[in-house]
Amino acid sequence: MPAKSQSQQKAAGAALSAKRGETKVGDLQGASKSMYESMSEKELDEMASTKRKGKPEHKSKS
């Protein structure tokens, strides 16, 4: 499942880093913390590796 926005991709990257033990889980907040708890490492990797070109900074609420 690819990221729909750049901010979603960044949150997935932060959660993936914590899953791999590269950063502390306690440093996570907001979306990245919930992604860490609810998604597998493979899902996070797929979302974080999405190309950023053409993605909005934030997903629209519609």
PDB file of N, CA and C in Angstrom:
ATOM      1  N   MET A   1       0.848  -1.161   0.000  1.00  0.00           N
ATOM      2  CA  MET A   1       0.000   0.000   0.000  1.00  0.00           C
ATOM      3  C   MET A   1       0.901   1.233   0.000  1.00  0.00           C
ATOM      4  N   PRO A   2       0.900   1.989  -1.081  1.00  0.00           N
ATOM      5  CA  PRO A   2       1.763   3.176  -1.162  1.00  0.00           C
ATOM      6  C   PRO A   2       1.234   4.337  -0.334  1.00  0.00           C
ATOM      7  N   ALA A   3       2.134   5.214   0.054  1.00  0.00           N
ATOM      8  CA  ALA A   3       1.754   6.411   0.819  1.00  0.00           C
ATOM      9  C   ALA A   3       0.967   7.352  -0.074  1.00  0.00           C
ATOM     10  N   LYS A   4       0.000   8.028   0.507  1.00  0.00           N
ATOM     11  CA  LYS A   4      -0.830   8.970  -0.247  1.00  0.00           C
ATOM     12  C   LYS A   4      -0.302  10.406  -0.155  1.00  0.00           C
ATOM     13  N   SER A   5       0.608  10.667   0.782  1.00  0.00           N
ATOM     14  CA  SER A   5       1.175  12.006   0.932  1.00  0.00           C
ATOM     15  C   SER A   5       2.591  11.896   1.473  1.00  0.00           C
ATOM     16  N   GLN A   6       3.319  13.007   1.365  1.00  0.00           N
ATOM     17  CA  GLN A   6       4.691  13.021   1.871  1.00  0.00           C
ATOM     18  C   GLN A   6       4.730  12.864   3.385  1.00  0.00           C
ATOM     19  N   SER A   7       3.786  13.468   4.077  1.00  0.00           N
ATOM     20  CA  SER A   7       3.796  13.360   5.541  1.00  0.00           C
ATOM     21  C   SER A   7       3.503  11.931   5.990  1.00  0.00           C
ATOM     22  N   GLN A   8       2.639  11.233   5.262  1.00  0.00           N
ATOM     23  CA  GLN A   8       2.346   9.833   5.584  1.00  0.00           C
ATOM     24  C   GLN A   8       3.599   8.985   5.361  1.00  0.00           C
ATOM     25  N   GLN A   9       4.337   9.283   4.310  1.00  0.00           N
ATOM     26  CA  GLN A   9       5.562   8.556   4.014  1.00  0.00           C
ATOM     27  C   GLN A   9       6.621   8.794   5.094  1.00  0.00           C
ATOM     28  N   LYS A  10       6.734  10.026   5.546  1.00  0.00           N
ATOM     29  CA  LYS A  10       7.705  10.352   6.599  1.00  0.00           C
ATOM     30  C   LYS A  10       7.358   9.643   7.908  1.00  0.00           C
ATOM     31  N   ALA A  11       6.070   9.588   8.227  1.00  0.00           N
ATOM     32  CA  ALA A  11       5.636   8.908   9.448  1.00  0.00           C
ATOM     33  C   ALA A  11       5.939   7.416   9.358  1.00  0.00           C
ATOM     34  N   ALA A  12       5.722   6.835   8.184  1.00  0.00           N
ATOM     35  CA  ALA A  12       6.025   5.412   7.985  1.00  0.00           C
ATOM     36  C   ALA A  12       7.522   5.167   8.118  1.00  0.00           C
ATOM     37  N   GLY A  13       8.333   6.069   7.620  1.00  0.00           N
ATOM     38  CA  GLY A  13       9.782   5.940   7.736  1.00  0.00           C
ATOM     39  C   GLY A  13      10.246   5.989   9.183  1.00  0.00           C
ATOM     40  N   ALA A  14       9.650   6.868   9.961  1.00  0.00           N
ATOM     41  CA  ALA A  14      10.005   6.971  11.384  1.00  0.00           C
ATOM     42  C   ALA A  14       9.600   5.700  12.130  1.00  0.00           C
ATOM     43  N   ALA A  15       8.412   5.190  11.836  1.00  0.00           N
ATOM     44  CA  ALA A  15       7.944   3.963  12.485  1.00  0.00           C
ATOM     45  C   ALA A  15       8.815   2.772  12.081  1.00  0.00           C
ATOM     46  N   LEU A  16       9.211   2.726  10.821  1.00  0.00           N
ATOM     47  CA  LEU A  16      10.071   1.640  10.334  1.00  0.00           C
ATOM     48  C   LEU A  16      11.426   1.675  11.029  1.00  0.00           C
ATOM     49  N   SER A  17      11.968   2.864  11.211  1.00  0.00           N
ATOM     50  CA  SER A  17      13.241   3.023  11.901  1.00  0.00           C
ATOM     51  C   SER A  17      13.164   2.486  13.331  1.00  0.00           C
ATOM     52  N   ALA A  18      12.056   2.757  13.999  1.00  0.00           N
ATOM     53  CA  ALA A  18      11.869   2.262  15.370  1.00  0.00           C
ATOM     54  C   ALA A  18      11.687   0.737  15.367  1.00  0.00           C
ATOM     55  N   LYS A  19      10.960   0.201  14.383  1.00  0.00           N
ATOM     56  CA  LYS A  19      10.763  -1.256  14.296  1.00  0.00           C
ATOM     57  C   LYS A  19      12.095  -1.972  14.148  1.00  0.00           C
ATOM     58  N   ARG A  20      13.003  -1.350  13.391  1.00  0.00           N
ATOM     59  CA  ARG A  20      14.310  -1.964  13.145  1.00  0.00           C
ATOM     60  C   ARG A  20      15.298  -1.714  14.282  1.00  0.00           C
ATOM     61  N   GLY A  21      14.893  -0.928  15.280  1.00  0.00           N
ATOM     62  CA  GLY A  21      15.760  -0.661  16.419  1.00  0.00           C
ATOM     63  C   GLY A  21      16.755   0.451  16.194  1.00  0.00           C
ATOM     64  N   GLU A  22      16.591   1.226  15.113  1.00  0.00           N
ATOM     65  CA  GLU A  22      17.524   2.306  14.809  1.00  0.00           C
ATOM     66  C   GLU A  22      17.221   3.565  15.619  1.00  0.00           C
ATOM     67  N   THR A  23      15.965   3.744  16.024  1.00  0.00           N
ATOM     68  CA  THR A  23      15.577   4.872  16.873  1.00  0.00           C
ATOM     69  C   THR A  23      14.736   4.340  18.025  1.00  0.00           C
ATOM     70  N   LYS A  24      14.545   5.170  19.040  1.00  0.00           N
ATOM     71  CA  LYS A  24      13.776   4.744  20.208  1.00  0.00           C
ATOM     72  C   LYS A  24      12.274   4.833  19.930  1.00  0.00           C
ATOM     73  N   VAL A  25      11.531   3.859  20.398  1.00  0.00           N
ATOM     74  CA  VAL A  25      10.080   3.852  20.251  1.00  0.00           C
ATOM     75  C   VAL A  25       9.486   5.038  21.012  1.00  0.00           C
ATOM     76  N   GLY A  26      10.085   5.420  22.108  1.00  0.00           N
ATOM     77  CA  GLY A  26       9.602   6.538  22.902  1.00  0.00           C
ATOM     78  C   GLY A  26       9.683   7.878  22.182  1.00  0.00           C
ATOM     79  N   ASP A  27      10.509   7.962  21.139  1.00  0.00           N
ATOM     80  CA  ASP A  27      10.628   9.197  20.374  1.00  0.00           C
ATOM     81  C   ASP A  27       9.491   9.376  19.377  1.00  0.00           C
ATOM     82  N   LEU A  28       8.733   8.310  19.119  1.00  0.00           N
ATOM     83  CA  LEU A  28       7.629   8.380  18.161  1.00  0.00           C
ATOM     84  C   LEU A  28       6.453   9.129  18.762  1.00  0.00           C
ATOM     85  N   GLN A  29       5.705   9.825  17.900  1.00  0.00           N
ATOM     86  CA  GLN A  29       4.493  10.490  18.355  1.00  0.00           C
ATOM     87  C   GLN A  29       3.508  10.573  17.199  1.00  0.00           C
ATOM     88  N   GLY A  30       2.255  10.688  17.525  1.00  0.00           N
ATOM     89  CA  GLY A  30       1.213  10.847  16.520  1.00  0.00           C
ATOM     90  C   GLY A  30       1.060   9.649  15.602  1.00  0.00           C
ATOM     91  N   ALA A  31       1.016   9.936  14.300  1.00  0.00           N
ATOM     92  CA  ALA A  31       0.756   8.911  13.293  1.00  0.00           C
ATOM     93  C   ALA A  31       1.844   7.836  13.268  1.00  0.00           C
ATOM     94  N   SER A  32       3.095   8.242  13.453  1.00  0.00           N
ATOM     95  CA  SER A  32       4.176   7.257  13.394  1.00  0.00           C
ATOM     96  C   SER A  32       4.064   6.247  14.541  1.00  0.00           C
ATOM     97  N   LYS A  33       3.596   6.690  15.705  1.00  0.00           N
ATOM     98  CA  LYS A  33       3.435   5.790  16.843  1.00  0.00           C
ATOM     99  C   LYS A  33       2.325   4.768  16.578  1.00  0.00           C
ATOM    100  N   SER A  34       1.200   5.235  16.021  1.00  0.00           N
ATOM    101  CA  SER A  34       0.115   4.291  15.728  1.00  0.00           C
ATOM    102  C   SER A  34       0.492   3.351  14.586  1.00  0.00           C
ATOM    103  N   MET A  35       1.270   3.836  13.615  1.00  0.00           N
ATOM    104  CA  MET A  35       1.746   2.964  12.535  1.00  0.00           C
ATOM    105  C   MET A  35       2.676   1.885  13.098  1.00  0.00           C
ATOM    106  N   TYR A  36       3.549   2.275  14.021  1.00  0.00           N
ATOM    107  CA  TYR A  36       4.479   1.329  14.649  1.00  0.00           C
ATOM    108  C   TYR A  36       3.721   0.190  15.318  1.00  0.00           C
ATOM    109  N   GLU A  37       2.631   0.539  15.999  1.00  0.00           N
ATOM    110  CA  GLU A  37       1.873  -0.453  16.751  1.00  0.00           C
ATOM    111  C   GLU A  37       0.985  -1.329  15.866  1.00  0.00           C
ATOM    112  N   SER A  38       0.511  -0.793  14.746  1.00  0.00           N
ATOM    113  CA  SER A  38      -0.501  -1.513  13.978  1.00  0.00           C
ATOM    114  C   SER A  38      -0.016  -2.138  12.668  1.00  0.00           C
ATOM    115  N   MET A  39       1.183  -1.793  12.206  1.00  0.00           N
ATOM    116  CA  MET A  39       1.643  -2.285  10.906  1.00  0.00           C
ATOM    117  C   MET A  39       2.889  -3.154  11.049  1.00  0.00           C
ATOM    118  N   SER A  40       3.050  -4.076  10.105  1.00  0.00           N
ATOM    119  CA  SER A  40       4.238  -4.930  10.099  1.00  0.00           C
ATOM    120  C   SER A  40       5.408  -4.181   9.468  1.00  0.00           C
ATOM    121  N   GLU A  41       6.601  -4.714   9.644  1.00  0.00           N
ATOM    122  CA  GLU A  41       7.791  -4.092   9.061  1.00  0.00           C
ATOM    123  C   GLU A  41       7.694  -4.055   7.539  1.00  0.00           C
ATOM    124  N   LYS A  42       7.138  -5.091   6.947  1.00  0.00           N
ATOM    125  CA  LYS A  42       6.996  -5.150   5.488  1.00  0.00           C
ATOM    126  C   LYS A  42       6.044  -4.056   4.993  1.00  0.00           C
ATOM    127  N   GLU A  43       4.915  -3.881   5.684  1.00  0.00           N
ATOM    128  CA  GLU A  43       3.950  -2.839   5.295  1.00  0.00           C
ATOM    129  C   GLU A  43       4.573  -1.450   5.420  1.00  0.00           C
ATOM    130  N   LEU A  44       5.299  -1.226   6.501  1.00  0.00           N
ATOM    131  CA  LEU A  44       5.953   0.066   6.702  1.00  0.00           C
ATOM    132  C   LEU A  44       7.005   0.322   5.631  1.00  0.00           C
ATOM    133  N   ASP A  45       7.747  -0.719   5.264  1.00  0.00           N
ATOM    134  CA  ASP A  45       8.769  -0.588   4.236  1.00  0.00           C
ATOM    135  C   ASP A  45       8.140  -0.200   2.902  1.00  0.00           C
ATOM    136  N   GLU A  46       7.022  -0.830   2.551  1.00  0.00           N
ATOM    137  CA  GLU A  46       6.330  -0.509   1.300  1.00  0.00           C
ATOM    138  C   GLU A  46       5.854   0.942   1.298  1.00  0.00           C
ATOM    139  N   MET A  47       5.314   1.389   2.425  1.00  0.00           N
ATOM    140  CA  MET A  47       4.787   2.751   2.494  1.00  0.00           C
ATOM    141  C   MET A  47       5.921   3.773   2.492  1.00  0.00           C
ATOM    142  N   ALA A  48       6.988   3.496   3.197  1.00  0.00           N
ATOM    143  CA  ALA A  48       8.099   4.440   3.295  1.00  0.00           C
ATOM    144  C   ALA A  48       8.883   4.538   1.993  1.00  0.00           C
ATOM    145  N   SER A  49       8.863   3.501   1.178  1.00  0.00           N
ATOM    146  CA  SER A  49       9.648   3.508  -0.054  1.00  0.00           C
ATOM    147  C   SER A  49       8.897   4.083  -1.251  1.00  0.00           C
ATOM    148  N   THR A  50       7.699   4.597  -1.048  1.00  0.00           N
ATOM    149  CA  THR A  50       6.920   5.229  -2.103  1.00  0.00           C
ATOM    150  C   THR A  50       7.666   6.440  -2.650  1.00  0.00           C
ATOM    151  N   LYS A  51       7.614   6.653  -3.949  1.00  0.00           N
ATOM    152  CA  LYS A  51       8.239   7.829  -4.549  1.00  0.00           C
ATOM    153  C   LYS A  51       7.514   9.091  -4.094  1.00  0.00           C
ATOM    154  N   ARG A  52       8.254  10.138  -3.800  1.00  0.00           N
ATOM    155  CA  ARG A  52       7.659  11.385  -3.312  1.00  0.00           C
ATOM    156  C   ARG A  52       7.193  12.308  -4.428  1.00  0.00           C
ATOM    157  N   LYS A  53       7.757  12.171  -5.608  1.00  0.00           N
ATOM    158  CA  LYS A  53       7.433  13.095  -6.703  1.00  0.00           C
ATOM    159  C   LYS A  53       5.929  13.057  -7.007  1.00  0.00           C
ATOM    160  N   GLY A  54       5.322  14.223  -7.003  1.00  0.00           N
ATOM    161  CA  GLY A  54       3.910  14.341  -7.316  1.00  0.00           C
ATOM    162  C   GLY A  54       2.975  14.120  -6.148  1.00  0.00           C
ATOM    163  N   LYS A  55       3.510  13.819  -4.975  1.00  0.00           N
ATOM    164  CA  LYS A  55       2.677  13.605  -3.794  1.00  0.00           C
ATOM    165  C   LYS A  55       2.434  14.939  -3.097  1.00  0.00           C
ATOM    166  N   PRO A  56       1.221  15.161  -2.605  1.00  0.00           N
ATOM    167  CA  PRO A  56       0.972  16.380  -1.830  1.00  0.00           C
ATOM    168  C   PRO A  56       1.655  16.271  -0.463  1.00  0.00           C
ATOM    169  N   GLU A  57       1.901  17.416   0.166  1.00  0.00           N
ATOM    170  CA  GLU A  57       2.520  17.400   1.496  1.00  0.00           C
ATOM    171  C   GLU A  57       1.600  16.700   2.491  1.00  0.00           C
ATOM    172  N   HIS A  58       0.297  16.996   2.423  1.00  0.00           N
ATOM    173  CA  HIS A  58      -0.687  16.359   3.288  1.00  0.00           C
ATOM    174  C   HIS A  58      -1.839  15.851   2.439  1.00  0.00           C
ATOM    175  N   LYS A  59      -2.437  14.749   2.856  1.00  0.00           N
ATOM    176  CA  LYS A  59      -3.573  14.187   2.143  1.00  0.00           C
ATOM    177  C   LYS A  59      -4.804  15.058   2.397  1.00  0.00           C
ATOM    178  N   SER A  60      -5.597  15.288   1.343  1.00  0.00           N
ATOM    179  CA  SER A  60      -6.802  16.094   1.524  1.00  0.00           C
ATOM    180  C   SER A  60      -7.815  15.315   2.347  1.00  0.00           C
ATOM    181  N   LYS A  61      -8.689  16.017   3.019  1.00  0.00           N
ATOM    182  CA  LYS A  61      -9.641  15.372   3.934  1.00  0.00           C
ATOM    183  C   LYS A  61     -10.860  14.815   3.231  1.00  0.00           C
ATOM    184  N   SER A  62     -10.971  14.980   1.937  1.00  0.00           N
ATOM    185  CA  SER A  62     -12.161  14.498   1.222  1.00  0.00           C
ATOM    186  C   SER A  62     -12.135  13.030   0.929  1.00  0.00           C
TER     187      SER A  62
END
